[in-house]
Amino acid sequence: DTPNEKAVSLSIDFCDGNERHFERLAWHEGMTVGDLMLEMSQATEDLHFEKQGGGEMTMLVKLDGVANEGAGGRNWIYSVNGERADRSYAIYPLRAGDRVLWEFTGP
């Protein structure tokens, strides 16, 4: 096994020049982006997020103190391996080697 085979990465782009990167995070079978976010918030004291809803309706509303602005404003959008996600982060399955990016961006 190479070190990256059982790992994923997480990046956060505040779209104001500030970014955070977490490399080689432990991946496990059945892991979702939601699992990754929860595990990171528990392992990293300064990574906090808030959500609304549950299951396939879960929405991230605040990340590292920056809250969604709603319709017409900037909001947290995520992509996996450069592809914008088409479902809630809570149920999006991850494979080993995947790269998750959260961006605080406008419409």
N, C-alpha and C. Protein backbone atom coordinates (compact mmCIF):
# COMPACT_ATOMS: atom_id res chain seq x y z
N ASP A 1 0.83 -1.20 0.00
CA ASP A 1 0.00 0.00 0.00
C ASP A 1 0.87 1.26 0.00
N THR A 2 0.49 2.22 -0.79
CA THR A 2 1.14 3.53 -0.70
C THR A 2 0.36 4.35 0.31
N PRO A 3 0.98 5.35 0.92
CA PRO A 3 0.31 6.13 1.97
C PRO A 3 -1.00 6.77 1.50
N ASN A 4 -1.11 7.12 0.21
CA ASN A 4 -2.29 7.81 -0.27
C ASN A 4 -3.46 6.89 -0.58
N GLU A 5 -3.24 5.59 -0.63
CA GLU A 5 -4.31 4.67 -1.01
C GLU A 5 -5.47 4.68 -0.03
N LYS A 6 -5.22 4.92 1.23
CA LYS A 6 -6.26 4.90 2.24
C LYS A 6 -6.46 6.30 2.84
N ALA A 7 -6.28 7.33 2.01
CA ALA A 7 -6.38 8.69 2.51
C ALA A 7 -7.20 9.56 1.58
N VAL A 8 -7.72 10.65 2.13
CA VAL A 8 -8.41 11.69 1.37
C VAL A 8 -7.85 13.03 1.82
N SER A 9 -8.18 14.09 1.09
CA SER A 9 -7.73 15.42 1.50
C SER A 9 -8.93 16.36 1.57
N LEU A 10 -8.78 17.41 2.37
CA LEU A 10 -9.81 18.42 2.55
C LEU A 10 -9.18 19.79 2.42
N SER A 11 -9.76 20.63 1.55
CA SER A 11 -9.31 22.01 1.42
C SER A 11 -10.49 22.93 1.61
N ILE A 12 -10.23 24.08 2.22
CA ILE A 12 -11.25 25.10 2.44
C ILE A 12 -10.74 26.39 1.84
N ASP A 13 -11.49 26.94 0.88
CA ASP A 13 -11.11 28.19 0.22
C ASP A 13 -12.14 29.25 0.58
N PHE A 14 -11.70 30.25 1.35
CA PHE A 14 -12.60 31.32 1.79
C PHE A 14 -12.83 32.35 0.68
N CYS A 15 -12.14 32.17 -0.45
CA CYS A 15 -12.26 33.05 -1.62
C CYS A 15 -11.95 34.51 -1.29
N ASP A 16 -11.06 34.69 -0.31
CA ASP A 16 -10.60 36.04 0.06
C ASP A 16 -9.08 36.02 0.23
N GLY A 17 -8.44 34.98 -0.30
CA GLY A 17 -6.99 34.82 -0.15
C GLY A 17 -6.61 33.86 0.94
N ASN A 18 -7.55 33.50 1.80
CA ASN A 18 -7.28 32.55 2.88
C ASN A 18 -7.74 31.16 2.50
N GLU A 19 -6.87 30.18 2.76
CA GLU A 19 -7.19 28.78 2.48
C GLU A 19 -6.65 27.92 3.61
N ARG A 20 -7.29 26.77 3.80
CA ARG A 20 -6.80 25.77 4.75
C ARG A 20 -6.72 24.44 4.01
N HIS A 21 -5.68 23.67 4.28
CA HIS A 21 -5.49 22.39 3.60
C HIS A 21 -5.15 21.31 4.63
N PHE A 22 -5.83 20.19 4.49
CA PHE A 22 -5.59 19.03 5.35
C PHE A 22 -5.32 17.85 4.42
N GLU A 23 -4.11 17.35 4.45
CA GLU A 23 -3.69 16.28 3.54
C GLU A 23 -3.64 14.95 4.28
N ARG A 24 -3.71 13.87 3.51
CA ARG A 24 -3.54 12.50 4.02
C ARG A 24 -4.40 12.23 5.26
N LEU A 25 -5.70 12.49 5.14
CA LEU A 25 -6.64 12.20 6.21
C LEU A 25 -7.10 10.75 6.08
N ALA A 26 -7.26 10.09 7.20
CA ALA A 26 -7.65 8.68 7.18
C ALA A 26 -8.99 8.48 6.48
N TRP A 27 -9.00 7.54 5.54
CA TRP A 27 -10.22 7.16 4.82
C TRP A 27 -10.64 5.78 5.28
N HIS A 28 -11.96 5.52 5.31
CA HIS A 28 -12.45 4.19 5.62
C HIS A 28 -13.62 3.84 4.71
N GLU A 29 -13.85 2.58 4.50
CA GLU A 29 -14.93 2.09 3.65
C GLU A 29 -16.27 2.68 4.12
N GLY A 30 -17.06 3.17 3.19
CA GLY A 30 -18.37 3.73 3.52
C GLY A 30 -18.34 5.19 3.94
N MET A 31 -17.16 5.80 3.94
CA MET A 31 -17.02 7.20 4.39
C MET A 31 -17.72 8.15 3.43
N THR A 32 -18.38 9.18 4.00
CA THR A 32 -19.00 10.25 3.21
C THR A 32 -18.27 11.56 3.51
N VAL A 33 -18.57 12.59 2.72
CA VAL A 33 -18.03 13.92 3.02
C VAL A 33 -18.50 14.35 4.41
N GLY A 34 -19.74 13.99 4.77
CA GLY A 34 -20.26 14.31 6.10
C GLY A 34 -19.42 13.68 7.20
N ASP A 35 -19.05 12.41 7.01
CA ASP A 35 -18.19 11.72 7.99
C ASP A 35 -16.85 12.44 8.10
N LEU A 36 -16.28 12.80 6.96
CA LEU A 36 -14.99 13.50 6.94
C LEU A 36 -15.07 14.80 7.72
N MET A 37 -16.13 15.58 7.49
CA MET A 37 -16.28 16.86 8.19
C MET A 37 -16.41 16.65 9.70
N LEU A 38 -17.20 15.67 10.09
CA LEU A 38 -17.40 15.41 11.51
C LEU A 38 -16.09 14.95 12.16
N GLU A 39 -15.39 14.02 11.50
CA GLU A 39 -14.13 13.53 12.06
C GLU A 39 -13.09 14.65 12.16
N MET A 40 -13.04 15.52 11.14
CA MET A 40 -12.09 16.63 11.17
C MET A 40 -12.43 17.63 12.28
N SER A 41 -13.71 17.90 12.48
CA SER A 41 -14.09 18.86 13.53
C SER A 41 -13.77 18.31 14.91
N GLN A 42 -13.83 16.99 15.06
CA GLN A 42 -13.50 16.37 16.34
C GLN A 42 -11.99 16.29 16.56
N ALA A 43 -11.23 16.14 15.48
CA ALA A 43 -9.78 15.97 15.59
C ALA A 43 -9.04 17.30 15.60
N THR A 44 -9.65 18.34 15.03
CA THR A 44 -9.00 19.63 14.90
C THR A 44 -9.82 20.67 15.65
N GLU A 45 -9.30 21.14 16.78
CA GLU A 45 -10.07 22.02 17.65
C GLU A 45 -10.53 23.30 16.96
N ASP A 46 -9.78 23.77 15.96
CA ASP A 46 -10.14 25.05 15.35
C ASP A 46 -10.90 24.90 14.03
N LEU A 47 -11.44 23.71 13.74
CA LEU A 47 -12.27 23.53 12.55
C LEU A 47 -13.69 23.26 13.02
N HIS A 48 -14.57 24.27 12.85
CA HIS A 48 -15.95 24.15 13.30
C HIS A 48 -16.89 24.36 12.13
N PHE A 49 -18.00 23.63 12.14
CA PHE A 49 -19.01 23.87 11.12
C PHE A 49 -20.39 23.66 11.72
N GLU A 50 -21.38 24.27 11.08
CA GLU A 50 -22.77 24.12 11.50
C GLU A 50 -23.57 23.65 10.30
N LYS A 51 -24.61 22.87 10.58
CA LYS A 51 -25.44 22.32 9.50
C LYS A 51 -26.91 22.48 9.85
N GLN A 52 -27.74 22.33 8.82
CA GLN A 52 -29.18 22.29 9.00
C GLN A 52 -29.69 21.06 8.28
N GLY A 53 -30.81 20.51 8.78
CA GLY A 53 -31.42 19.36 8.13
C GLY A 53 -30.73 18.07 8.50
N GLY A 54 -31.15 16.99 7.81
CA GLY A 54 -30.57 15.69 8.07
C GLY A 54 -30.62 14.82 6.83
N GLY A 55 -29.77 13.80 6.82
CA GLY A 55 -29.73 12.88 5.69
C GLY A 55 -29.46 13.61 4.39
N GLU A 56 -30.23 13.26 3.34
CA GLU A 56 -29.99 13.84 2.02
C GLU A 56 -30.36 15.31 1.95
N MET A 57 -31.00 15.85 2.99
CA MET A 57 -31.38 17.26 3.02
C MET A 57 -30.41 18.10 3.87
N THR A 58 -29.32 17.51 4.33
CA THR A 58 -28.36 18.24 5.17
C THR A 58 -27.64 19.29 4.36
N MET A 59 -27.53 20.49 4.93
CA MET A 59 -26.84 21.59 4.28
C MET A 59 -25.84 22.21 5.26
N LEU A 60 -24.63 22.44 4.80
CA LEU A 60 -23.64 23.13 5.61
C LEU A 60 -23.96 24.62 5.56
N VAL A 61 -24.13 25.26 6.72
CA VAL A 61 -24.53 26.67 6.75
C VAL A 61 -23.45 27.60 7.29
N LYS A 62 -22.42 27.01 7.95
CA LYS A 62 -21.36 27.85 8.51
C LYS A 62 -20.11 27.01 8.64
N LEU A 63 -18.97 27.56 8.23
CA LEU A 63 -17.70 26.85 8.29
C LEU A 63 -16.63 27.80 8.76
N ASP A 64 -15.93 27.42 9.82
CA ASP A 64 -14.87 28.25 10.40
C ASP A 64 -15.34 29.68 10.65
N GLY A 65 -16.56 29.83 11.15
CA GLY A 65 -17.08 31.14 11.52
C GLY A 65 -17.66 31.95 10.38
N VAL A 66 -17.65 31.41 9.17
CA VAL A 66 -18.18 32.12 8.00
C VAL A 66 -19.50 31.48 7.60
N ALA A 67 -20.58 32.28 7.67
CA ALA A 67 -21.93 31.76 7.43
C ALA A 67 -22.39 32.02 6.01
N ASN A 68 -23.21 31.10 5.49
CA ASN A 68 -23.85 31.30 4.19
C ASN A 68 -24.61 32.63 4.19
N GLU A 69 -24.63 33.28 3.02
CA GLU A 69 -25.33 34.56 2.88
C GLU A 69 -26.71 34.39 2.27
N GLY A 70 -27.04 33.18 1.80
CA GLY A 70 -28.36 32.93 1.24
C GLY A 70 -28.46 33.28 -0.23
N ALA A 71 -29.70 33.30 -0.73
CA ALA A 71 -29.96 33.55 -2.16
C ALA A 71 -29.30 34.85 -2.61
N GLY A 72 -28.58 34.78 -3.72
CA GLY A 72 -27.92 35.95 -4.28
C GLY A 72 -26.60 36.31 -3.64
N GLY A 73 -26.25 35.65 -2.52
CA GLY A 73 -24.99 35.93 -1.84
C GLY A 73 -24.01 34.79 -2.01
N ARG A 74 -22.96 34.84 -1.21
CA ARG A 74 -21.96 33.77 -1.23
C ARG A 74 -22.38 32.67 -0.26
N ASN A 75 -22.10 31.44 -0.66
CA ASN A 75 -22.45 30.28 0.16
C ASN A 75 -21.38 29.22 0.03
N TRP A 76 -21.36 28.30 0.98
CA TRP A 76 -20.41 27.19 0.95
C TRP A 76 -20.87 26.15 -0.06
N ILE A 77 -20.03 25.89 -1.06
CA ILE A 77 -20.27 24.91 -2.11
C ILE A 77 -19.08 23.95 -2.09
N TYR A 78 -19.35 22.66 -2.26
CA TYR A 78 -18.22 21.73 -2.26
C TYR A 78 -18.12 20.97 -3.57
N SER A 79 -16.91 20.51 -3.83
CA SER A 79 -16.65 19.67 -4.99
C SER A 79 -15.73 18.53 -4.55
N VAL A 80 -15.76 17.46 -5.33
CA VAL A 80 -14.90 16.31 -5.07
C VAL A 80 -14.13 16.04 -6.36
N ASN A 81 -12.81 16.05 -6.25
CA ASN A 81 -11.93 15.83 -7.41
C ASN A 81 -12.24 16.81 -8.55
N GLY A 82 -12.56 18.05 -8.18
CA GLY A 82 -12.80 19.09 -9.17
C GLY A 82 -14.19 19.11 -9.77
N GLU A 83 -15.05 18.19 -9.38
CA GLU A 83 -16.42 18.13 -9.89
C GLU A 83 -17.38 18.64 -8.83
N ARG A 84 -18.17 19.67 -9.16
CA ARG A 84 -19.14 20.19 -8.20
C ARG A 84 -20.14 19.09 -7.84
N ALA A 85 -20.40 18.95 -6.55
CA ALA A 85 -21.26 17.87 -6.06
C ALA A 85 -22.72 18.10 -6.45
N ASP A 86 -23.44 16.99 -6.60
CA ASP A 86 -24.84 17.05 -7.03
C ASP A 86 -25.80 16.60 -5.93
N ARG A 87 -25.30 16.50 -4.69
CA ARG A 87 -26.15 16.07 -3.58
C ARG A 87 -25.57 16.58 -2.27
N SER A 88 -26.30 16.36 -1.20
CA SER A 88 -25.86 16.81 0.13
C SER A 88 -24.50 16.20 0.49
N TYR A 89 -23.68 17.01 1.12
CA TYR A 89 -22.37 16.52 1.56
C TYR A 89 -22.51 15.37 2.54
N ALA A 90 -23.63 15.31 3.27
CA ALA A 90 -23.81 14.30 4.31
C ALA A 90 -23.88 12.89 3.74
N ILE A 91 -24.30 12.76 2.47
CA ILE A 91 -24.47 11.43 1.88
C ILE A 91 -23.53 11.17 0.71
N TYR A 92 -22.65 12.12 0.38
CA TYR A 92 -21.76 11.96 -0.77
C TYR A 92 -20.65 10.98 -0.41
N PRO A 93 -20.58 9.82 -1.09
CA PRO A 93 -19.57 8.81 -0.74
C PRO A 93 -18.18 9.21 -1.22
N LEU A 94 -17.19 8.89 -0.40
CA LEU A 94 -15.79 9.15 -0.75
C LEU A 94 -15.07 7.85 -1.03
N ARG A 95 -14.13 7.91 -1.97
CA ARG A 95 -13.22 6.81 -2.25
C ARG A 95 -11.82 7.24 -1.80
N ALA A 96 -10.99 6.27 -1.51
CA ALA A 96 -9.61 6.57 -1.16
C ALA A 96 -8.98 7.41 -2.27
N GLY A 97 -8.25 8.45 -1.90
CA GLY A 97 -7.60 9.32 -2.87
C GLY A 97 -8.41 10.54 -3.26
N ASP A 98 -9.69 10.60 -2.85
CA ASP A 98 -10.53 11.75 -3.22
C ASP A 98 -10.04 13.04 -2.57
N ARG A 99 -10.28 14.14 -3.28
CA ARG A 99 -9.94 15.48 -2.81
C ARG A 99 -11.23 16.29 -2.68
N VAL A 100 -11.53 16.73 -1.45
CA VAL A 100 -12.73 17.52 -1.17
C VAL A 100 -12.32 18.99 -1.05
N LEU A 101 -13.06 19.85 -1.74
CA LEU A 101 -12.81 21.29 -1.67
C LEU A 101 -14.11 22.01 -1.33
N TRP A 102 -14.09 22.80 -0.26
CA TRP A 102 -15.20 23.69 0.08
C TRP A 102 -14.80 25.10 -0.35
N GLU A 103 -15.70 25.80 -1.05
CA GLU A 103 -15.44 27.18 -1.48
C GLU A 103 -16.58 28.07 -1.03
N PHE A 104 -16.23 29.25 -0.52
CA PHE A 104 -17.25 30.26 -0.15
C PHE A 104 -17.39 31.18 -1.35
N THR A 105 -18.39 30.90 -2.17
CA THR A 105 -18.45 31.55 -3.46
C THR A 105 -19.87 31.98 -3.81
N GLY A 106 -19.98 32.89 -4.78
CA GLY A 106 -21.26 33.42 -5.20
C GLY A 106 -21.89 32.61 -6.30
N PRO A 107 -23.10 33.05 -6.72
CA PRO A 107 -23.84 32.33 -7.76
C PRO A 107 -23.12 32.31 -9.11
